[in-house]
Amino acid sequence: MNDMQKPAGLPLFTLATQTEKLKTEHFGTVTVSELPVPLLTKFFERHGEKKDPVRMGYALICECVTGEHGERFTMASIDALPGRAMRDLTQMIDAAQRVNGFTQDAVEKASPLP
């Protein structure tokens, strides 16, 4: 940790939040958004690696996906969906993993340089 006084006027590091528009068959076009670090930390505390990976994917949809008119998913609403929604759910999980850097590709890109 650096306790030195920071000179006034220097720029801070920032990153724009990543989003992805995804056209689904049953839910229209949805926006999948990246989670900020504090929410991502809480997400992993609740749904970490030792939990059910399918439920973790559904929880990620609940946190990251917004419909065209602001609609959101809940675990209960996902549980009530018919089987034909599975393709859309899988696509949304994949997109949420991409924008949050969870995919193997993203992990490899984030690996330290030799």
PDB file of N, CA and C in Angstrom:
ATOM      1  N   MET A   1       0.850  -1.187   0.000  1.00  0.00           N
ATOM      2  CA  MET A   1       0.000   0.000   0.000  1.00  0.00           C
ATOM      3  C   MET A   1       0.882   1.231   0.000  1.00  0.00           C
ATOM      4  N   ASN A   2       0.495   2.229  -0.718  1.00  0.00           N
ATOM      5  CA  ASN A   2       1.270   3.449  -0.837  1.00  0.00           C
ATOM      6  C   ASN A   2       0.603   4.541  -0.008  1.00  0.00           C
ATOM      7  N   ASP A   3       1.281   4.979   1.047  1.00  0.00           N
ATOM      8  CA  ASP A   3       0.726   6.011   1.929  1.00  0.00           C
ATOM      9  C   ASP A   3       1.192   7.412   1.554  1.00  0.00           C
ATOM     10  N   MET A   4       1.912   7.544   0.449  1.00  0.00           N
ATOM     11  CA  MET A   4       2.417   8.852   0.054  1.00  0.00           C
ATOM     12  C   MET A   4       1.268   9.750  -0.380  1.00  0.00           C
ATOM     13  N   GLN A   5       1.414  11.030  -0.091  1.00  0.00           N
ATOM     14  CA  GLN A   5       0.435  12.024  -0.513  1.00  0.00           C
ATOM     15  C   GLN A   5       0.452  12.096  -2.035  1.00  0.00           C
ATOM     16  N   LYS A   6      -0.703  12.054  -2.653  1.00  0.00           N
ATOM     17  CA  LYS A   6      -0.789  12.127  -4.101  1.00  0.00           C
ATOM     18  C   LYS A   6      -0.861  13.595  -4.538  1.00  0.00           C
ATOM     19  N   PRO A   7      -0.014  13.972  -5.467  1.00  0.00           N
ATOM     20  CA  PRO A   7      -0.064  15.356  -5.944  1.00  0.00           C
ATOM     21  C   PRO A   7      -1.428  15.681  -6.551  1.00  0.00           C
ATOM     22  N   ALA A   8      -1.938  16.847  -6.263  1.00  0.00           N
ATOM     23  CA  ALA A   8      -3.244  17.265  -6.778  1.00  0.00           C
ATOM     24  C   ALA A   8      -3.199  17.384  -8.297  1.00  0.00           C
ATOM     25  N   GLY A   9      -4.314  17.040  -8.926  1.00  0.00           N
ATOM     26  CA  GLY A   9      -4.451  17.229 -10.353  1.00  0.00           C
ATOM     27  C   GLY A   9      -4.013  16.057 -11.210  1.00  0.00           C
ATOM     28  N   LEU A  10      -3.415  15.024 -10.602  1.00  0.00           N
ATOM     29  CA  LEU A  10      -3.019  13.874 -11.408  1.00  0.00           C
ATOM     30  C   LEU A  10      -4.247  13.030 -11.733  1.00  0.00           C
ATOM     31  N   PRO A  11      -4.300  12.476 -12.943  1.00  0.00           N
ATOM     32  CA  PRO A  11      -5.453  11.644 -13.297  1.00  0.00           C
ATOM     33  C   PRO A  11      -5.427  10.314 -12.545  1.00  0.00           C
ATOM     34  N   LEU A  12      -6.595   9.759 -12.332  1.00  0.00           N
ATOM     35  CA  LEU A  12      -6.730   8.454 -11.696  1.00  0.00           C
ATOM     36  C   LEU A  12      -6.974   7.411 -12.764  1.00  0.00           C
ATOM     37  N   PHE A  13      -6.602   6.169 -12.469  1.00  0.00           N
ATOM     38  CA  PHE A  13      -6.909   5.076 -13.385  1.00  0.00           C
ATOM     39  C   PHE A  13      -8.415   4.834 -13.368  1.00  0.00           C
ATOM     40  N   THR A  14      -9.003   4.684 -14.542  1.00  0.00           N
ATOM     41  CA  THR A  14     -10.424   4.364 -14.645  1.00  0.00           C
ATOM     42  C   THR A  14     -10.624   3.383 -15.790  1.00  0.00           C
ATOM     43  N   LEU A  15     -11.688   2.649 -15.706  1.00  0.00           N
ATOM     44  CA  LEU A  15     -12.097   1.751 -16.786  1.00  0.00           C
ATOM     45  C   LEU A  15     -13.587   1.937 -17.008  1.00  0.00           C
ATOM     46  N   ALA A  16     -13.992   1.977 -18.247  1.00  0.00           N
ATOM     47  CA  ALA A  16     -15.416   2.057 -18.556  1.00  0.00           C
ATOM     48  C   ALA A  16     -16.048   0.692 -18.296  1.00  0.00           C
ATOM     49  N   THR A  17     -17.259   0.682 -17.785  1.00  0.00           N
ATOM     50  CA  THR A  17     -17.973  -0.566 -17.557  1.00  0.00           C
ATOM     51  C   THR A  17     -18.298  -1.207 -18.893  1.00  0.00           C
ATOM     52  N   GLN A  18     -17.981  -2.487 -19.010  1.00  0.00           N
ATOM     53  CA  GLN A  18     -18.274  -3.202 -20.242  1.00  0.00           C
ATOM     54  C   GLN A  18     -19.732  -3.649 -20.251  1.00  0.00           C
ATOM     55  N   THR A  19     -20.341  -3.539 -21.414  1.00  0.00           N
ATOM     56  CA  THR A  19     -21.694  -4.058 -21.600  1.00  0.00           C
ATOM     57  C   THR A  19     -21.734  -4.785 -22.930  1.00  0.00           C
ATOM     58  N   GLU A  20     -22.706  -5.660 -23.045  1.00  0.00           N
ATOM     59  CA  GLU A  20     -22.914  -6.374 -24.298  1.00  0.00           C
ATOM     60  C   GLU A  20     -24.414  -6.458 -24.550  1.00  0.00           C
ATOM     61  N   LYS A  21     -24.824  -6.071 -25.734  1.00  0.00           N
ATOM     62  CA  LYS A  21     -26.221  -6.234 -26.153  1.00  0.00           C
ATOM     63  C   LYS A  21     -26.357  -7.641 -26.714  1.00  0.00           C
ATOM     64  N   LEU A  22     -27.405  -8.327 -26.295  1.00  0.00           N
ATOM     65  CA  LEU A  22     -27.601  -9.708 -26.705  1.00  0.00           C
ATOM     66  C   LEU A  22     -29.048  -9.886 -27.148  1.00  0.00           C
ATOM     67  N   LYS A  23     -29.235 -10.319 -28.377  1.00  0.00           N
ATOM     68  CA  LYS A  23     -30.587 -10.573 -28.882  1.00  0.00           C
ATOM     69  C   LYS A  23     -30.974 -11.999 -28.492  1.00  0.00           C
ATOM     70  N   THR A  24     -32.067 -12.126 -27.744  1.00  0.00           N
ATOM     71  CA  THR A  24     -32.540 -13.439 -27.315  1.00  0.00           C
ATOM     72  C   THR A  24     -33.848 -13.767 -28.018  1.00  0.00           C
ATOM     73  N   GLU A  25     -34.163 -15.026 -28.066  1.00  0.00           N
ATOM     74  CA  GLU A  25     -35.384 -15.458 -28.734  1.00  0.00           C
ATOM     75  C   GLU A  25     -36.637 -15.097 -27.942  1.00  0.00           C
ATOM     76  N   HIS A  26     -36.579 -15.243 -26.628  1.00  0.00           N
ATOM     77  CA  HIS A  26     -37.780 -15.090 -25.801  1.00  0.00           C
ATOM     78  C   HIS A  26     -37.838 -13.806 -24.969  1.00  0.00           C
ATOM     79  N   PHE A  27     -36.726 -13.108 -24.810  1.00  0.00           N
ATOM     80  CA  PHE A  27     -36.696 -11.940 -23.933  1.00  0.00           C
ATOM     81  C   PHE A  27     -36.325 -10.656 -24.658  1.00  0.00           C
ATOM     82  N   GLY A  28     -36.259 -10.706 -25.983  1.00  0.00           N
ATOM     83  CA  GLY A  28     -35.880  -9.525 -26.750  1.00  0.00           C
ATOM     84  C   GLY A  28     -34.393  -9.245 -26.589  1.00  0.00           C
ATOM     85  N   THR A  29     -34.009  -8.018 -26.847  1.00  0.00           N
ATOM     86  CA  THR A  29     -32.612  -7.628 -26.693  1.00  0.00           C
ATOM     87  C   THR A  29     -32.373  -7.248 -25.241  1.00  0.00           C
ATOM     88  N   VAL A  30     -31.378  -7.879 -24.637  1.00  0.00           N
ATOM     89  CA  VAL A  30     -31.029  -7.601 -23.250  1.00  0.00           C
ATOM     90  C   VAL A  30     -29.643  -6.973 -23.213  1.00  0.00           C
ATOM     91  N   THR A  31     -29.377  -6.246 -22.144  1.00  0.00           N
ATOM     92  CA  THR A  31     -28.052  -5.674 -21.916  1.00  0.00           C
ATOM     93  C   THR A  31     -27.403  -6.436 -20.777  1.00  0.00           C
ATOM     94  N   VAL A  32     -26.221  -6.927 -21.035  1.00  0.00           N
ATOM     95  CA  VAL A  32     -25.444  -7.656 -20.027  1.00  0.00           C
ATOM     96  C   VAL A  32     -24.319  -6.727 -19.595  1.00  0.00           C
ATOM     97  N   SER A  33     -24.283  -6.387 -18.303  1.00  0.00           N
ATOM     98  CA  SER A  33     -23.327  -5.405 -17.803  1.00  0.00           C
ATOM     99  C   SER A  33     -22.332  -6.022 -16.823  1.00  0.00           C
ATOM    100  N   GLU A  34     -21.155  -5.487 -16.853  1.00  0.00           N
ATOM    101  CA  GLU A  34     -20.088  -5.891 -15.945  1.00  0.00           C
ATOM    102  C   GLU A  34     -20.416  -5.421 -14.524  1.00  0.00           C
ATOM    103  N   LEU A  35     -20.040  -6.225 -13.546  1.00  0.00           N
ATOM    104  CA  LEU A  35     -20.255  -5.858 -12.147  1.00  0.00           C
ATOM    105  C   LEU A  35     -19.056  -5.080 -11.617  1.00  0.00           C
ATOM    106  N   PRO A  36     -19.288  -4.057 -10.797  1.00  0.00           N
ATOM    107  CA  PRO A  36     -18.165  -3.375 -10.155  1.00  0.00           C
ATOM    108  C   PRO A  36     -17.535  -4.297  -9.100  1.00  0.00           C
ATOM    109  N   VAL A  37     -16.294  -4.036  -8.758  1.00  0.00           N
ATOM    110  CA  VAL A  37     -15.535  -4.900  -7.848  1.00  0.00           C
ATOM    111  C   VAL A  37     -16.266  -5.203  -6.540  1.00  0.00           C
ATOM    112  N   PRO A  38     -16.850  -4.224  -5.836  1.00  0.00           N
ATOM    113  CA  PRO A  38     -17.520  -4.569  -4.570  1.00  0.00           C
ATOM    114  C   PRO A  38     -18.680  -5.557  -4.759  1.00  0.00           C
ATOM    115  N   LEU A  39     -19.469  -5.375  -5.820  1.00  0.00           N
ATOM    116  CA  LEU A  39     -20.573  -6.308  -6.075  1.00  0.00           C
ATOM    117  C   LEU A  39     -20.058  -7.681  -6.490  1.00  0.00           C
ATOM    118  N   LEU A  40     -18.996  -7.700  -7.263  1.00  0.00           N
ATOM    119  CA  LEU A  40     -18.415  -8.968  -7.686  1.00  0.00           C
ATOM    120  C   LEU A  40     -17.868  -9.737  -6.480  1.00  0.00           C
ATOM    121  N   THR A  41     -17.251  -9.031  -5.558  1.00  0.00           N
ATOM    122  CA  THR A  41     -16.740  -9.654  -4.335  1.00  0.00           C
ATOM    123  C   THR A  41     -17.877 -10.265  -3.530  1.00  0.00           C
ATOM    124  N   LYS A  42     -18.952  -9.512  -3.343  1.00  0.00           N
ATOM    125  CA  LYS A  42     -20.119 -10.031  -2.622  1.00  0.00           C
ATOM    126  C   LYS A  42     -20.738 -11.209  -3.361  1.00  0.00           C
ATOM    127  N   PHE A  43     -20.767 -11.128  -4.689  1.00  0.00           N
ATOM    128  CA  PHE A  43     -21.320 -12.217  -5.492  1.00  0.00           C
ATOM    129  C   PHE A  43     -20.556 -13.513  -5.212  1.00  0.00           C
ATOM    130  N   PHE A  44     -19.228 -13.447  -5.231  1.00  0.00           N
ATOM    131  CA  PHE A  44     -18.430 -14.651  -4.989  1.00  0.00           C
ATOM    132  C   PHE A  44     -18.543 -15.142  -3.553  1.00  0.00           C
ATOM    133  N   GLU A  45     -18.738 -14.243  -2.616  1.00  0.00           N
ATOM    134  CA  GLU A  45     -18.958 -14.671  -1.227  1.00  0.00           C
ATOM    135  C   GLU A  45     -20.234 -15.494  -1.123  1.00  0.00           C
ATOM    136  N   ARG A  46     -21.269 -15.093  -1.848  1.00  0.00           N
ATOM    137  CA  ARG A  46     -22.556 -15.809  -1.808  1.00  0.00           C
ATOM    138  C   ARG A  46     -22.598 -17.032  -2.697  1.00  0.00           C
ATOM    139  N   HIS A  47     -21.933 -16.966  -3.847  1.00  0.00           N
ATOM    140  CA  HIS A  47     -22.104 -18.005  -4.864  1.00  0.00           C
ATOM    141  C   HIS A  47     -20.778 -18.610  -5.310  1.00  0.00           C
ATOM    142  N   GLY A  48     -19.781 -18.611  -4.458  1.00  0.00           N
ATOM    143  CA  GLY A  48     -18.425 -19.038  -4.815  1.00  0.00           C
ATOM    144  C   GLY A  48     -18.314 -20.398  -5.464  1.00  0.00           C
ATOM    145  N   GLU A  49     -17.091 -20.777  -5.775  1.00  0.00           N
ATOM    146  CA  GLU A  49     -16.778 -21.970  -6.543  1.00  0.00           C
ATOM    147  C   GLU A  49     -17.368 -23.261  -5.982  1.00  0.00           C
ATOM    148  N   LYS A  50     -17.510 -23.375  -4.692  1.00  0.00           N
ATOM    149  CA  LYS A  50     -17.976 -24.626  -4.093  1.00  0.00           C
ATOM    150  C   LYS A  50     -19.495 -24.777  -4.145  1.00  0.00           C
ATOM    151  N   LYS A  51     -20.165 -23.778  -4.669  1.00  0.00           N
ATOM    152  CA  LYS A  51     -21.626 -23.822  -4.785  1.00  0.00           C
ATOM    153  C   LYS A  51     -22.009 -24.480  -6.109  1.00  0.00           C
ATOM    154  N   ASP A  52     -23.289 -24.626  -6.329  1.00  0.00           N
ATOM    155  CA  ASP A  52     -23.823 -25.205  -7.568  1.00  0.00           C
ATOM    156  C   ASP A  52     -23.523 -24.272  -8.744  1.00  0.00           C
ATOM    157  N   PRO A  53     -22.762 -24.734  -9.756  1.00  0.00           N
ATOM    158  CA  PRO A  53     -22.400 -23.849 -10.868  1.00  0.00           C
ATOM    159  C   PRO A  53     -23.594 -23.384 -11.701  1.00  0.00           C
ATOM    160  N   VAL A  54     -24.634 -24.202 -11.805  1.00  0.00           N
ATOM    161  CA  VAL A  54     -25.832 -23.784 -12.563  1.00  0.00           C
ATOM    162  C   VAL A  54     -26.515 -22.631 -11.834  1.00  0.00           C
ATOM    163  N   ARG A  55     -26.692 -22.768 -10.529  1.00  0.00           N
ATOM    164  CA  ARG A  55     -27.325 -21.691  -9.743  1.00  0.00           C
ATOM    165  C   ARG A  55     -26.437 -20.436  -9.755  1.00  0.00           C
ATOM    166  N   MET A  56     -25.134 -20.636  -9.780  1.00  0.00           N
ATOM    167  CA  MET A  56     -24.227 -19.499  -9.849  1.00  0.00           C
ATOM    168  C   MET A  56     -24.436 -18.747 -11.163  1.00  0.00           C
ATOM    169  N   GLY A  57     -24.615 -19.490 -12.263  1.00  0.00           N
ATOM    170  CA  GLY A  57     -24.882 -18.853 -13.555  1.00  0.00           C
ATOM    171  C   GLY A  57     -26.188 -18.082 -13.549  1.00  0.00           C
ATOM    172  N   TYR A  58     -27.224 -18.670 -12.941  1.00  0.00           N
ATOM    173  CA  TYR A  58     -28.509 -17.975 -12.847  1.00  0.00           C
ATOM    174  C   TYR A  58     -28.386 -16.716 -11.983  1.00  0.00           C
ATOM    175  N   ALA A  59     -27.640 -16.818 -10.898  1.00  0.00           N
ATOM    176  CA  ALA A  59     -27.432 -15.647 -10.033  1.00  0.00           C
ATOM    177  C   ALA A  59     -26.691 -14.550 -10.792  1.00  0.00           C
ATOM    178  N   LEU A  60     -25.757 -14.938 -11.656  1.00  0.00           N
ATOM    179  CA  LEU A  60     -25.031 -13.961 -12.468  1.00  0.00           C
ATOM    180  C   LEU A  60     -25.985 -13.241 -13.419  1.00  0.00           C
ATOM    181  N   ILE A  61     -26.937 -13.982 -13.998  1.00  0.00           N
ATOM    182  CA  ILE A  61     -27.962 -13.361 -14.848  1.00  0.00           C
ATOM    183  C   ILE A  61     -28.748 -12.326 -14.033  1.00  0.00           C
ATOM    184  N   CYS A  62     -29.150 -12.691 -12.827  1.00  0.00           N
ATOM    185  CA  CYS A  62     -29.928 -11.776 -11.978  1.00  0.00           C
ATOM    186  C   CYS A  62     -29.165 -10.486 -11.691  1.00  0.00           C
ATOM    187  N   GLU A  63     -27.859 -10.580 -11.557  1.00  0.00           N
ATOM    188  CA  GLU A  63     -27.036  -9.408 -11.233  1.00  0.00           C
ATOM    189  C   GLU A  63     -26.692  -8.568 -12.461  1.00  0.00           C
ATOM    190  N   CYS A  64     -26.535  -9.196 -13.622  1.00  0.00           N
ATOM    191  CA  CYS A  64     -25.932  -8.522 -14.775  1.00  0.00           C
ATOM    192  C   CYS A  64     -26.876  -8.170 -15.915  1.00  0.00           C
ATOM    193  N   VAL A  65     -28.033  -8.810 -16.003  1.00  0.00           N
ATOM    194  CA  VAL A  65     -28.872  -8.682 -17.198  1.00  0.00           C
ATOM    195  C   VAL A  65     -30.064  -7.752 -16.945  1.00  0.00           C
ATOM    196  N   THR A  66     -30.281  -6.854 -17.906  1.00  0.00           N
ATOM    197  CA  THR A  66     -31.412  -5.937 -17.872  1.00  0.00           C
ATOM    198  C   THR A  66     -32.124  -6.002 -19.218  1.00  0.00           C
ATOM    199  N   GLY A  67     -33.457  -6.025 -19.180  1.00  0.00           N
ATOM    200  CA  GLY A  67     -34.249  -6.047 -20.408  1.00  0.00           C
ATOM    201  C   GLY A  67     -34.368  -4.676 -21.038  1.00  0.00           C
ATOM    202  N   GLU A  68     -34.997  -4.647 -22.194  1.00  0.00           N
ATOM    203  CA  GLU A  68     -35.157  -3.399 -22.957  1.00  0.00           C
ATOM    204  C   GLU A  68     -35.913  -2.321 -22.184  1.00  0.00           C
ATOM    205  N   HIS A  69     -36.791  -2.734 -21.290  1.00  0.00           N
ATOM    206  CA  HIS A  69     -37.607  -1.781 -20.525  1.00  0.00           C
ATOM    207  C   HIS A  69     -37.251  -1.802 -19.042  1.00  0.00           C
ATOM    208  N   GLY A  70     -36.022  -2.218 -18.726  1.00  0.00           N
ATOM    209  CA  GLY A  70     -35.564  -2.241 -17.341  1.00  0.00           C
ATOM    210  C   GLY A  70     -35.905  -3.515 -16.588  1.00  0.00           C
ATOM    211  N   GLU A  71     -36.464  -4.506 -17.271  1.00  0.00           N
ATOM    212  CA  GLU A  71     -36.825  -5.758 -16.602  1.00  0.00           C
ATOM    213  C   GLU A  71     -35.564  -6.427 -16.047  1.00  0.00           C
ATOM    214  N   ARG A  72     -35.743  -7.128 -14.930  1.00  0.00           N
ATOM    215  CA  ARG A  72     -34.658  -7.892 -14.309  1.00  0.00           C
ATOM    216  C   ARG A  72     -35.146  -9.308 -14.045  1.00  0.00           C
ATOM    217  N   PHE A  73     -34.213 -10.218 -13.880  1.00  0.00           N
ATOM    218  CA  PHE A  73     -34.532 -11.581 -13.493  1.00  0.00           C
ATOM    219  C   PHE A  73     -34.346 -11.741 -11.996  1.00  0.00           C
ATOM    220  N   THR A  74     -35.099 -12.660 -11.408  1.00  0.00           N
ATOM    221  CA  THR A  74     -34.871 -13.107 -10.035  1.00  0.00           C
ATOM    222  C   THR A  74     -34.674 -14.618 -10.112  1.00  0.00           C
ATOM    223  N   MET A  75     -34.144 -15.196  -9.057  1.00  0.00           N
ATOM    224  CA  MET A  75     -33.978 -16.647  -9.045  1.00  0.00           C
ATOM    225  C   MET A  75     -35.345 -17.316  -9.195  1.00  0.00           C
ATOM    226  N   ALA A  76     -36.355 -16.762  -8.538  1.00  0.00           N
ATOM    227  CA  ALA A  76     -37.703 -17.343  -8.626  1.00  0.00           C
ATOM    228  C   ALA A  76     -38.248 -17.248 -10.050  1.00  0.00           C
ATOM    229  N   SER A  77     -38.012 -16.123 -10.720  1.00  0.00           N
ATOM    230  CA  SER A  77     -38.522 -15.991 -12.093  1.00  0.00           C
ATOM    231  C   SER A  77     -37.796 -16.946 -13.036  1.00  0.00           C
ATOM    232  N   ILE A  78     -36.518 -17.168 -12.821  1.00  0.00           N
ATOM    233  CA  ILE A  78     -35.772 -18.125 -13.650  1.00  0.00           C
ATOM    234  C   ILE A  78     -36.268 -19.540 -13.385  1.00  0.00           C
ATOM    235  N   ASP A  79     -36.492 -19.884 -12.123  1.00  0.00           N
ATOM    236  CA  ASP A  79     -36.988 -21.219 -11.770  1.00  0.00           C
ATOM    237  C   ASP A  79     -38.347 -21.512 -12.408  1.00  0.00           C
ATOM    238  N   ALA A  80     -39.129 -20.477 -12.659  1.00  0.00           N
ATOM    239  CA  ALA A  80     -40.474 -20.657 -13.208  1.00  0.00           C
ATOM    240  C   ALA A  80     -40.498 -20.716 -14.748  1.00  0.00           C
ATOM    241  N   LEU A  81     -39.359 -20.480 -15.392  1.00  0.00           N
ATOM    242  CA  LEU A  81     -39.325 -20.457 -16.854  1.00  0.00           C
ATOM    243  C   LEU A  81     -39.474 -21.863 -17.436  1.00  0.00           C
ATOM    244  N   PRO A  82     -40.121 -21.969 -18.595  1.00  0.00           N
ATOM    245  CA  PRO A  82     -40.214 -23.265 -19.273  1.00  0.00           C
ATOM    246  C   PRO A  82     -38.865 -23.633 -19.896  1.00  0.00           C
ATOM    247  N   GLY A  83     -38.715 -24.891 -20.237  1.00  0.00           N
ATOM    248  CA  GLY A  83     -37.468 -25.403 -20.789  1.00  0.00           C
ATOM    249  C   GLY A  83     -36.997 -24.710 -22.052  1.00  0.00           C
ATOM    250  N   ARG A  84     -37.931 -24.179 -22.841  1.00  0.00           N
ATOM    251  CA  ARG A  84     -37.532 -23.537 -24.099  1.00  0.00           C
ATOM    252  C   ARG A  84     -36.679 -22.288 -23.868  1.00  0.00           C
ATOM    253  N   ALA A  85     -36.636 -21.778 -22.646  1.00  0.00           N
ATOM    254  CA  ALA A  85     -35.827 -20.596 -22.327  1.00  0.00           C
ATOM    255  C   ALA A  85     -34.357 -20.943 -22.087  1.00  0.00           C
ATOM    256  N   MET A  86     -34.028 -22.230 -22.018  1.00  0.00           N
ATOM    257  CA  MET A  86     -32.659 -22.634 -21.674  1.00  0.00           C
ATOM    258  C   MET A  86     -31.607 -22.065 -22.623  1.00  0.00           C
ATOM    259  N   ARG A  87     -31.889 -22.049 -23.920  1.00  0.00           N
ATOM    260  CA  ARG A  87     -30.905 -21.514 -24.864  1.00  0.00           C
ATOM    261  C   ARG A  87     -30.609 -20.047 -24.548  1.00  0.00           C
ATOM    262  N   ASP A  88     -31.658 -19.265 -24.302  1.00  0.00           N
ATOM    263  CA  ASP A  88     -31.455 -17.854 -23.957  1.00  0.00           C
ATOM    264  C   ASP A  88     -30.675 -17.712 -22.649  1.00  0.00           C
ATOM    265  N   LEU A  89     -31.024 -18.518 -21.650  1.00  0.00           N
ATOM    266  CA  LEU A  89     -30.326 -18.448 -20.364  1.00  0.00           C
ATOM    267  C   LEU A  89     -28.845 -18.765 -20.530  1.00  0.00           C
ATOM    268  N   THR A  90     -28.550 -19.784 -21.316  1.00  0.00           N
ATOM    269  CA  THR A  90     -27.158 -20.168 -21.558  1.00  0.00           C
ATOM    270  C   THR A  90     -26.401 -19.043 -22.256  1.00  0.00           C
ATOM    271  N   GLN A  91     -27.041 -18.404 -23.232  1.00  0.00           N
ATOM    272  CA  GLN A  91     -26.400 -17.282 -23.931  1.00  0.00           C
ATOM    273  C   GLN A  91     -26.147 -16.116 -22.974  1.00  0.00           C
ATOM    274  N   MET A  92     -27.105 -15.846 -22.085  1.00  0.00           N
ATOM    275  CA  MET A  92     -26.927 -14.755 -21.129  1.00  0.00           C
ATOM    276  C   MET A  92     -25.815 -15.060 -20.137  1.00  0.00           C
ATOM    277  N   ILE A  93     -25.733 -16.310 -19.679  1.00  0.00           N
ATOM    278  CA  ILE A  93     -24.647 -16.696 -18.764  1.00  0.00           C
ATOM    279  C   ILE A  93     -23.300 -16.522 -19.463  1.00  0.00           C
ATOM    280  N   ASP A  94     -23.203 -16.995 -20.703  1.00  0.00           N
ATOM    281  CA  ASP A  94     -21.954 -16.862 -21.457  1.00  0.00           C
ATOM    282  C   ASP A  94     -21.552 -15.392 -21.608  1.00  0.00           C
ATOM    283  N   ALA A  95     -22.521 -14.539 -21.926  1.00  0.00           N
ATOM    284  CA  ALA A  95     -22.235 -13.101 -22.095  1.00  0.00           C
ATOM    285  C   ALA A  95     -21.818 -12.478 -20.763  1.00  0.00           C
ATOM    286  N   ALA A  96     -22.493 -12.843 -19.671  1.00  0.00           N
ATOM    287  CA  ALA A  96     -22.137 -12.304 -18.355  1.00  0.00           C
ATOM    288  C   ALA A  96     -20.731 -12.734 -17.957  1.00  0.00           C
ATOM    289  N   GLN A  97     -20.362 -13.951 -18.289  1.00  0.00           N
ATOM    290  CA  GLN A  97     -19.005 -14.406 -18.004  1.00  0.00           C
ATOM    291  C   GLN A  97     -17.989 -13.618 -18.829  1.00  0.00           C
ATOM    292  N   ARG A  98     -18.316 -13.366 -20.096  1.00  0.00           N
ATOM    293  CA  ARG A  98     -17.404 -12.599 -20.963  1.00  0.00           C
ATOM    294  C   ARG A  98     -17.169 -11.190 -20.433  1.00  0.00           C
ATOM    295  N   VAL A  99     -18.251 -10.449 -20.153  1.00  0.00           N
ATOM    296  CA  VAL A  99     -18.077  -9.041 -19.760  1.00  0.00           C
ATOM    297  C   VAL A  99     -17.410  -8.914 -18.394  1.00  0.00           C
ATOM    298  N   ASN A 100     -17.518  -9.956 -17.563  1.00  0.00           N
ATOM    299  CA  ASN A 100     -16.879  -9.930 -16.246  1.00  0.00           C
ATOM    300  C   ASN A 100     -15.504 -10.601 -16.232  1.00  0.00           C
ATOM    301  N   GLY A 101     -15.047 -11.064 -17.404  1.00  0.00           N
ATOM    302  CA  GLY A 101     -13.710 -11.636 -17.514  1.00  0.00           C
ATOM    303  C   GLY A 101     -13.583 -13.038 -16.957  1.00  0.00           C
ATOM    304  N   PHE A 102     -14.673 -13.814 -16.931  1.00  0.00           N
ATOM    305  CA  PHE A 102     -14.634 -15.160 -16.368  1.00  0.00           C
ATOM    306  C   PHE A 102     -14.271 -16.235 -17.378  1.00  0.00           C
ATOM    307  N   THR A 103     -14.268 -15.923 -18.668  1.00  0.00           N
ATOM    308  CA  THR A 103     -14.027 -16.960 -19.664  1.00  0.00           C
ATOM    309  C   THR A 103     -12.548 -17.304 -19.710  1.00  0.00           C
ATOM    310  N   GLN A 104     -12.218 -18.476 -20.214  1.00  0.00           N
ATOM    311  CA  GLN A 104     -10.823 -18.915 -20.317  1.00  0.00           C
ATOM    312  C   GLN A 104     -10.012 -17.923 -21.132  1.00  0.00           C
ATOM    313  N   ASP A 105     -10.600 -17.422 -22.208  1.00  0.00           N
ATOM    314  CA  ASP A 105      -9.945 -16.421 -23.039  1.00  0.00           C
ATOM    315  C   ASP A 105      -9.564 -15.191 -22.217  1.00  0.00           C
ATOM    316  N   ALA A 106     -10.512 -14.709 -21.409  1.00  0.00           N
ATOM    317  CA  ALA A 106     -10.275 -13.519 -20.597  1.00  0.00           C
ATOM    318  C   ALA A 106      -9.207 -13.792 -19.542  1.00  0.00           C
ATOM    319  N   VAL A 107      -9.229 -14.990 -18.969  1.00  0.00           N
ATOM    320  CA  VAL A 107      -8.234 -15.342 -17.955  1.00  0.00           C
ATOM    321  C   VAL A 107      -6.843 -15.362 -18.584  1.00  0.00           C
ATOM    322  N   GLU A 108      -6.730 -15.941 -19.773  1.00  0.00           N
ATOM    323  CA  GLU A 108      -5.433 -16.001 -20.455  1.00  0.00           C
ATOM    324  C   GLU A 108      -4.918 -14.598 -20.789  1.00  0.00           C
ATOM    325  N   LYS A 109      -5.828 -13.722 -21.211  1.00  0.00           N
ATOM    326  CA  LYS A 109      -5.428 -12.339 -21.537  1.00  0.00           C
ATOM    327  C   LYS A 109      -4.978 -11.601 -20.285  1.00  0.00           C
ATOM    328  N   ALA A 110      -5.515 -11.958 -19.124  1.00  0.00           N
ATOM    329  CA  ALA A 110      -5.169 -11.268 -17.887  1.00  0.00           C
ATOM    330  C   ALA A 110      -3.940 -11.877 -17.201  1.00  0.00           C
ATOM    331  N   SER A 111      -3.407 -12.972 -17.742  1.00  0.00           N
ATOM    332  CA  SER A 111      -2.258 -13.621 -17.137  1.00  0.00           C
ATOM    333  C   SER A 111      -1.055 -12.693 -17.133  1.00  0.00           C
ATOM    334  N   PRO A 112      -0.231 -12.796 -16.077  1.00  0.00           N
ATOM    335  CA  PRO A 112       0.958 -11.924 -16.015  1.00  0.00           C
ATOM    336  C   PRO A 112       1.921 -12.215 -17.163  1.00  0.00           C
ATOM    337  N   LEU A 113       2.642 -11.205 -17.555  1.00  0.00           N
ATOM    338  CA  LEU A 113       3.650 -11.365 -18.615  1.00  0.00           C
ATOM    339  C   LEU A 113       4.824 -12.160 -18.081  1.00  0.00           C
ATOM    340  N   PRO A 114       5.522 -12.914 -18.962  1.00  0.00           N
ATOM    341  CA  PRO A 114       6.669 -13.706 -18.489  1.00  0.00           C
ATOM    342  C   PRO A 114       7.820 -12.842 -18.029  1.00  0.00           C
TER     343      PRO A 114
END
